[in-house]
Amino acid sequence: MPRHEVAITNGFDLLQRRIRVTGMVDYKGGHLIYNNSERIRCASRNNCQGLIDPNAPLLEQARTVAVREHPSRTVAGFFEEGDFLRFRELALAFTPGAEWGGRLLRNRNVTATLAARNLGILWTKYTGVDPEAFGTTGDAPSSFQAFAPPTYFTFRLTLGL
């Protein structure tokens, strides 16, 4: 599991503080992920890059040979750095003003917020689907047949009474 986690959020206001745009960047690092999907492709499915592409990086070729040909059939080459930086969230909040909320909804203020999470902007050296797309295989996080976190949108209406 990640030993280091950092989230940074920042925002700025527009139109006399009626519109606020915020964003969050998330970092997780200091851990390894078992790229089990690629190990299976190399060991038994015969369709990994290290096996079929002569121009594959030497690391890909070496780990394929180690898992297929070496007597130990080691999977050590499929443990990869799981560090990543992800643009986690973008939000837009609209506050029309006290007079608008008071007239229409009989309250002090109103804020409507639309947010999107997991937009697919990711920086990582991990060669699997996504460094957060894993379950477990034994004692190690594993990416076998896993999916990246879904992108989703939320809408929130905040009423100040």
C-alpha atoms as a PDB file:
ATOM      1  CA  MET A   1       0.000   0.000   0.000  1.00  0.00           C
ATOM      2  CA  PRO A   2       1.204   3.562  -0.580  1.00  0.00           C
ATOM      3  CA  ARG A   3       3.465   4.873   2.171  1.00  0.00           C
ATOM      4  CA  HIS A   4       3.074   8.473   1.014  1.00  0.00           C
ATOM      5  CA  GLU A   5      -0.187  10.235   0.172  1.00  0.00           C
ATOM      6  CA  VAL A   6      -0.637  13.933  -0.566  1.00  0.00           C
ATOM      7  CA  ALA A   7      -3.650  15.829  -1.886  1.00  0.00           C
ATOM      8  CA  ILE A   8      -3.445  19.484  -2.895  1.00  0.00           C
ATOM      9  CA  THR A   9      -6.548  21.566  -3.509  1.00  0.00           C
ATOM     10  CA  ASN A  10      -6.653  25.100  -4.809  1.00  0.00           C
ATOM     11  CA  GLY A  11      -9.250  27.392  -6.282  1.00  0.00           C
ATOM     12  CA  PHE A  12      -9.960  30.847  -7.589  1.00  0.00           C
ATOM     13  CA  ASP A  13     -12.994  33.111  -7.656  1.00  0.00           C
ATOM     14  CA  LEU A  14     -14.544  34.918 -10.601  1.00  0.00           C
ATOM     15  CA  LEU A  15     -17.296  37.496 -11.118  1.00  0.00           C
ATOM     16  CA  GLN A  16     -17.182  39.053  -7.651  1.00  0.00           C
ATOM     17  CA  ARG A  17     -16.958  35.644  -5.931  1.00  0.00           C
ATOM     18  CA  ARG A  18     -20.127  34.315  -7.509  1.00  0.00           C
ATOM     19  CA  ILE A  19     -18.232  31.564  -9.369  1.00  0.00           C
ATOM     20  CA  ARG A  20     -15.501  29.461  -7.759  1.00  0.00           C
ATOM     21  CA  VAL A  21     -13.361  26.960  -9.683  1.00  0.00           C
ATOM     22  CA  THR A  22     -11.437  24.404  -7.624  1.00  0.00           C
ATOM     23  CA  GLY A  23      -9.190  21.506  -8.485  1.00  0.00           C
ATOM     24  CA  MET A  24      -7.483  18.712  -6.595  1.00  0.00           C
ATOM     25  CA  VAL A  25      -4.294  16.833  -7.457  1.00  0.00           C
ATOM     26  CA  ASP A  26      -3.593  13.581  -5.638  1.00  0.00           C
ATOM     27  CA  TYR A  27      -0.212  11.830  -5.182  1.00  0.00           C
ATOM     28  CA  LYS A  28       0.357   8.324  -3.850  1.00  0.00           C
ATOM     29  CA  GLY A  29       3.747   6.671  -3.765  1.00  0.00           C
ATOM     30  CA  GLY A  30       6.337   4.534  -2.068  1.00  0.00           C
ATOM     31  CA  HIS A  31       4.792   1.198  -2.990  1.00  0.00           C
ATOM     32  CA  LEU A  32       4.923  -1.616  -5.529  1.00  0.00           C
ATOM     33  CA  ILE A  33       2.080  -3.132  -7.543  1.00  0.00           C
ATOM     34  CA  TYR A  34       2.071  -6.661  -8.914  1.00  0.00           C
ATOM     35  CA  ASN A  35       1.186  -6.304 -12.608  1.00  0.00           C
ATOM     36  CA  ASN A  36      -0.480  -9.706 -12.663  1.00  0.00           C
ATOM     37  CA  SER A  37      -2.404  -9.085 -15.891  1.00  0.00           C
ATOM     38  CA  GLU A  38       0.855  -8.619 -17.802  1.00  0.00           C
ATOM     39  CA  ARG A  39       2.434 -11.602 -16.026  1.00  0.00           C
ATOM     40  CA  ILE A  40      -0.433 -13.828 -17.175  1.00  0.00           C
ATOM     41  CA  ARG A  41      -0.192 -12.447 -20.721  1.00  0.00           C
ATOM     42  CA  CYS A  42       3.534 -13.266 -20.774  1.00  0.00           C
ATOM     43  CA  ALA A  43       3.492 -16.585 -18.934  1.00  0.00           C
ATOM     44  CA  SER A  44       0.526 -18.342 -20.510  1.00  0.00           C
ATOM     45  CA  ARG A  45      -1.363 -16.201 -23.041  1.00  0.00           C
ATOM     46  CA  ASN A  46       1.639 -15.616 -25.339  1.00  0.00           C
ATOM     47  CA  ASN A  47       0.565 -12.071 -26.222  1.00  0.00           C
ATOM     48  CA  CYS A  48       2.709  -9.681 -24.170  1.00  0.00           C
ATOM     49  CA  GLN A  49       5.024  -7.067 -25.653  1.00  0.00           C
ATOM     50  CA  GLY A  50       8.171  -8.644 -24.199  1.00  0.00           C
ATOM     51  CA  LEU A  51       7.422 -11.868 -26.079  1.00  0.00           C
ATOM     52  CA  ILE A  52       6.199 -10.723 -29.491  1.00  0.00           C
ATOM     53  CA  ASP A  53       7.858  -7.333 -30.097  1.00  0.00           C
ATOM     54  CA  PRO A  54      11.606  -7.496 -30.848  1.00  0.00           C
ATOM     55  CA  ASN A  55      11.831  -3.743 -30.158  1.00  0.00           C
ATOM     56  CA  ALA A  56      10.300  -4.050 -26.681  1.00  0.00           C
ATOM     57  CA  PRO A  57      12.326  -2.479 -23.859  1.00  0.00           C
ATOM     58  CA  LEU A  58      14.899  -4.806 -22.309  1.00  0.00           C
ATOM     59  CA  LEU A  59      12.987  -4.844 -19.006  1.00  0.00           C
ATOM     60  CA  GLU A  60       9.910  -6.236 -20.806  1.00  0.00           C
ATOM     61  CA  GLN A  61      11.997  -8.894 -22.543  1.00  0.00           C
ATOM     62  CA  ALA A  62      13.928  -9.842 -19.389  1.00  0.00           C
ATOM     63  CA  ARG A  63      10.867 -10.292 -17.210  1.00  0.00           C
ATOM     64  CA  THR A  64       9.202 -12.364 -19.935  1.00  0.00           C
ATOM     65  CA  VAL A  65      12.206 -14.680 -20.155  1.00  0.00           C
ATOM     66  CA  ALA A  66      12.375 -14.920 -16.349  1.00  0.00           C
ATOM     67  CA  VAL A  67       8.735 -15.933 -15.993  1.00  0.00           C
ATOM     68  CA  ARG A  68       8.732 -18.335 -18.978  1.00  0.00           C
ATOM     69  CA  GLU A  69      12.224 -19.831 -19.307  1.00  0.00           C
ATOM     70  CA  HIS A  70      14.122 -19.494 -16.039  1.00  0.00           C
ATOM     71  CA  PRO A  71      13.901 -22.543 -13.741  1.00  0.00           C
ATOM     72  CA  SER A  72      12.535 -20.420 -10.886  1.00  0.00           C
ATOM     73  CA  ARG A  73       9.733 -18.998 -13.083  1.00  0.00           C
ATOM     74  CA  THR A  74      10.096 -15.811 -11.060  1.00  0.00           C
ATOM     75  CA  VAL A  75       7.449 -13.076 -11.155  1.00  0.00           C
ATOM     76  CA  ALA A  76       9.761 -10.497  -9.564  1.00  0.00           C
ATOM     77  CA  GLY A  77       9.951  -8.440 -12.774  1.00  0.00           C
ATOM     78  CA  PHE A  78       6.220  -7.806 -12.634  1.00  0.00           C
ATOM     79  CA  PHE A  79       6.398  -5.860  -9.369  1.00  0.00           C
ATOM     80  CA  GLU A  80       6.457  -2.250 -10.524  1.00  0.00           C
ATOM     81  CA  GLU A  81       6.600   1.153  -8.888  1.00  0.00           C
ATOM     82  CA  GLY A  82       3.039   2.241  -8.189  1.00  0.00           C
ATOM     83  CA  ASP A  83       3.737   5.960  -7.699  1.00  0.00           C
ATOM     84  CA  PHE A  84       1.313   8.279  -9.468  1.00  0.00           C
ATOM     85  CA  LEU A  85       0.031  11.811  -9.663  1.00  0.00           C
ATOM     86  CA  ARG A  86      -3.630  12.173 -10.664  1.00  0.00           C
ATOM     87  CA  PHE A  87      -5.784  15.198 -11.412  1.00  0.00           C
ATOM     88  CA  ARG A  88      -8.489  13.965  -9.061  1.00  0.00           C
ATOM     89  CA  GLU A  89     -11.237  16.568  -9.118  1.00  0.00           C
ATOM     90  CA  LEU A  90     -12.458  19.688 -10.883  1.00  0.00           C
ATOM     91  CA  ALA A  91     -15.409  21.605  -9.428  1.00  0.00           C
ATOM     92  CA  LEU A  92     -17.398  24.681 -10.352  1.00  0.00           C
ATOM     93  CA  ALA A  93     -19.514  26.392  -7.683  1.00  0.00           C
ATOM     94  CA  PHE A  94     -22.053  29.112  -8.397  1.00  0.00           C
ATOM     95  CA  THR A  95     -23.374  31.411  -5.642  1.00  0.00           C
ATOM     96  CA  PRO A  96     -25.896  33.836  -7.132  1.00  0.00           C
ATOM     97  CA  GLY A  97     -26.181  36.119  -4.073  1.00  0.00           C
ATOM     98  CA  ALA A  98     -28.364  36.466  -0.999  1.00  0.00           C
ATOM     99  CA  GLU A  99     -31.079  38.444  -2.741  1.00  0.00           C
ATOM    100  CA  TRP A 100     -31.660  35.722  -5.343  1.00  0.00           C
ATOM    101  CA  GLY A 101     -31.797  32.878  -2.805  1.00  0.00           C
ATOM    102  CA  GLY A 102     -34.018  34.839  -0.432  1.00  0.00           C
ATOM    103  CA  ARG A 103     -36.596  35.691  -3.058  1.00  0.00           C
ATOM    104  CA  LEU A 104     -36.827  32.327  -4.763  1.00  0.00           C
ATOM    105  CA  LEU A 105     -36.155  29.792  -2.016  1.00  0.00           C
ATOM    106  CA  ARG A 106     -36.727  31.815   1.192  1.00  0.00           C
ATOM    107  CA  ASN A 107     -33.254  31.243   2.604  1.00  0.00           C
ATOM    108  CA  ARG A 108     -30.086  33.282   3.238  1.00  0.00           C
ATOM    109  CA  ASN A 109     -27.928  31.928   0.436  1.00  0.00           C
ATOM    110  CA  VAL A 110     -27.673  29.233  -2.220  1.00  0.00           C
ATOM    111  CA  THR A 111     -24.642  27.523  -3.759  1.00  0.00           C
ATOM    112  CA  ALA A 112     -24.847  25.064  -6.644  1.00  0.00           C
ATOM    113  CA  THR A 113     -21.745  22.922  -7.223  1.00  0.00           C
ATOM    114  CA  LEU A 114     -20.954  20.658 -10.156  1.00  0.00           C
ATOM    115  CA  ALA A 115     -17.887  18.416  -9.754  1.00  0.00           C
ATOM    116  CA  ALA A 116     -16.120  15.766 -11.820  1.00  0.00           C
ATOM    117  CA  ARG A 117     -13.826  13.138 -10.260  1.00  0.00           C
ATOM    118  CA  ASN A 118     -11.228  10.835 -11.807  1.00  0.00           C
ATOM    119  CA  LEU A 119     -11.049  12.598 -15.148  1.00  0.00           C
ATOM    120  CA  GLY A 120      -8.395  10.238 -16.524  1.00  0.00           C
ATOM    121  CA  ILE A 121      -5.442  12.646 -16.292  1.00  0.00           C
ATOM    122  CA  LEU A 122      -2.682  10.512 -14.781  1.00  0.00           C
ATOM    123  CA  TRP A 123       1.132  10.655 -14.596  1.00  0.00           C
ATOM    124  CA  THR A 124       2.856   7.374 -13.703  1.00  0.00           C
ATOM    125  CA  LYS A 125       5.608   4.943 -14.739  1.00  0.00           C
ATOM    126  CA  TYR A 126       3.358   1.965 -13.989  1.00  0.00           C
ATOM    127  CA  THR A 127       2.776  -0.066 -17.170  1.00  0.00           C
ATOM    128  CA  GLY A 128      -0.526  -1.667 -16.166  1.00  0.00           C
ATOM    129  CA  VAL A 129      -4.043  -0.354 -16.701  1.00  0.00           C
ATOM    130  CA  ASP A 130      -3.967   2.089 -13.776  1.00  0.00           C
ATOM    131  CA  PRO A 131      -2.042   2.122 -10.482  1.00  0.00           C
ATOM    132  CA  GLU A 132      -5.346   2.273  -8.576  1.00  0.00           C
ATOM    133  CA  ALA A 133      -6.884  -0.613 -10.544  1.00  0.00           C
ATOM    134  CA  PHE A 134      -6.096  -3.547  -8.346  1.00  0.00           C
ATOM    135  CA  GLY A 135      -7.482  -6.134  -6.026  1.00  0.00           C
ATOM    136  CA  THR A 136      -5.230  -8.491  -4.148  1.00  0.00           C
ATOM    137  CA  THR A 137      -3.461 -11.705  -4.971  1.00  0.00           C
ATOM    138  CA  GLY A 138      -1.965 -13.152  -1.828  1.00  0.00           C
ATOM    139  CA  ASP A 139      -0.189 -10.453   0.179  1.00  0.00           C
ATOM    140  CA  ALA A 140       0.418  -7.962  -2.644  1.00  0.00           C
ATOM    141  CA  PRO A 141      -1.823  -5.553  -4.532  1.00  0.00           C
ATOM    142  CA  SER A 142      -2.460  -7.058  -7.963  1.00  0.00           C
ATOM    143  CA  SER A 143      -3.902  -5.641 -11.167  1.00  0.00           C
ATOM    144  CA  PHE A 144      -5.414  -8.855 -12.545  1.00  0.00           C
ATOM    145  CA  GLN A 145      -8.553  -8.101 -14.572  1.00  0.00           C
ATOM    146  CA  ALA A 146      -9.137  -4.822 -12.776  1.00  0.00           C
ATOM    147  CA  PHE A 147     -10.503  -1.481 -13.968  1.00  0.00           C
ATOM    148  CA  ALA A 148      -9.391   2.064 -13.270  1.00  0.00           C
ATOM    149  CA  PRO A 149     -11.490   4.176 -10.891  1.00  0.00           C
ATOM    150  CA  PRO A 150     -14.620   5.366 -12.702  1.00  0.00           C
ATOM    151  CA  THR A 151     -15.165   8.966 -13.749  1.00  0.00           C
ATOM    152  CA  TYR A 152     -18.254  10.380 -12.136  1.00  0.00           C
ATOM    153  CA  PHE A 153     -20.054  13.673 -11.790  1.00  0.00           C
ATOM    154  CA  THR A 154     -21.870  15.113  -8.789  1.00  0.00           C
ATOM    155  CA  PHE A 155     -24.239  18.010  -8.316  1.00  0.00           C
ATOM    156  CA  ARG A 156     -24.782  19.576  -4.885  1.00  0.00           C
ATOM    157  CA  LEU A 157     -27.193  22.293  -3.858  1.00  0.00           C
ATOM    158  CA  THR A 158     -26.339  23.983  -0.545  1.00  0.00           C
ATOM    159  CA  LEU A 159     -29.002  26.086   1.133  1.00  0.00           C
ATOM    160  CA  GLY A 160     -28.148  28.450   3.993  1.00  0.00           C
ATOM    161  CA  LEU A 161     -31.198  28.829   6.206  1.00  0.00           C
END
